[in-house]
Protein backbone atom coordinates (compact mmCIF):
# COMPACT_ATOMS: atom_id res chain seq x y z
CA UNK A 1 -5.84 4.79 9.91
CA UNK A 2 -2.88 6.67 8.65
CA UNK A 3 -1.04 6.34 11.93
CA UNK A 4 -1.92 2.68 12.23
CA UNK A 5 -0.28 1.85 8.84
CA UNK A 6 2.67 4.05 9.58
CA UNK A 7 3.14 2.28 12.90
CA UNK A 8 2.98 -1.11 11.44
CA UNK A 9 5.24 -0.41 8.49
CA UNK A 10 7.69 1.45 10.66
CA UNK A 11 8.18 -1.62 12.88
CA UNK A 12 8.75 -3.90 9.88
CA UNK A 13 11.39 -1.82 8.06
CA UNK A 14 15.10 -1.15 8.66
CA UNK A 15 14.68 2.64 7.87
CA UNK A 16 11.59 3.81 9.59
CA UNK A 17 12.39 7.41 8.72
CA UNK A 18 11.64 6.55 5.19
CA UNK A 19 8.09 5.41 5.83
CA UNK A 20 5.56 7.82 4.42
CA UNK A 21 1.83 7.37 4.53
CA UNK A 22 -0.79 9.47 2.61
CA UNK A 23 -4.39 9.15 2.97
CA UNK A 24 -7.02 10.06 0.28
CA UNK A 25 -10.70 9.79 0.38
CA UNK A 26 -12.77 9.24 -2.74
CA UNK A 27 -16.66 8.77 -2.54
CA UNK A 28 -17.03 5.71 -0.33
CA UNK A 29 -13.34 4.61 -0.44
CA UNK A 30 -10.29 5.34 1.70
CA UNK A 31 -7.02 5.06 -0.21
CA UNK A 32 -3.77 4.82 1.76
CA UNK A 33 -0.55 5.11 -0.01
CA UNK A 34 2.56 3.74 1.59
CA UNK A 35 6.13 4.56 0.58
CA UNK A 36 9.11 2.83 1.96
CA UNK A 37 12.70 2.65 0.97
CA UNK A 38 13.44 0.45 -1.96
CA UNK A 39 15.33 -2.10 0.01
CA UNK A 40 12.67 -2.34 2.52
CA UNK A 41 9.88 -3.03 0.02
CA UNK A 42 10.28 -6.86 0.44
CA UNK A 43 9.93 -6.66 4.06
CA UNK A 44 6.50 -4.82 3.81
CA UNK A 45 5.26 -7.10 1.26
CA UNK A 46 6.42 -10.29 2.95
CA UNK A 47 6.60 -13.77 1.70
CA UNK A 48 3.81 -14.37 -1.03
CA UNK A 49 2.32 -11.02 0.03
CA UNK A 50 1.26 -12.24 3.49
CA UNK A 51 2.37 -9.20 5.44
CA UNK A 52 0.71 -6.71 3.14
CA UNK A 53 -2.47 -8.81 2.99
CA UNK A 54 -2.50 -8.70 6.90
CA UNK A 55 -2.13 -4.90 6.72
CA UNK A 56 -5.01 -4.55 4.32
CA UNK A 57 -7.17 -6.73 6.52
CA UNK A 58 -6.40 -4.49 9.57
CA UNK A 59 -7.04 -1.39 7.39
CA UNK A 60 -10.41 -2.91 6.11
CA UNK A 61 -11.57 -3.63 9.77
CA UNK A 62 -10.83 0.03 10.87
CA UNK A 63 -12.93 1.62 8.15
CA UNK A 64 -15.70 -0.96 8.27
CA UNK A 65 -17.42 1.23 11.02
CA UNK A 66 -17.75 4.02 8.60
CA UNK A 67 -19.31 1.79 6.02
CA UNK A 68 -16.42 2.50 3.48
CA UNK A 69 -13.97 0.64 1.42
CA UNK A 70 -10.24 0.69 1.92
CA UNK A 71 -7.33 0.24 -0.45
CA UNK A 72 -3.55 0.06 0.60
CA UNK A 73 -1.20 0.83 -2.20
CA UNK A 74 2.45 0.41 -1.89
CA UNK A 75 4.19 3.01 -3.97
CA UNK A 76 7.82 2.88 -5.29
């Protein structure tokens, strides 16, 4: 999951070296924290949040096998 989000975000931004992904697990949840450069934040979020919504959907599908919930947080 961590590598998947890193790959997707890295292809969207101008500075892929500034993409950092941290994975935390709490009870029945998987929390993925994504950090990108400030100027790339809009590219990751997308118009009206469509890009980040799609990333959240892919993440939810990848953890569904384990009967867990997922949450993608974009940190500044």
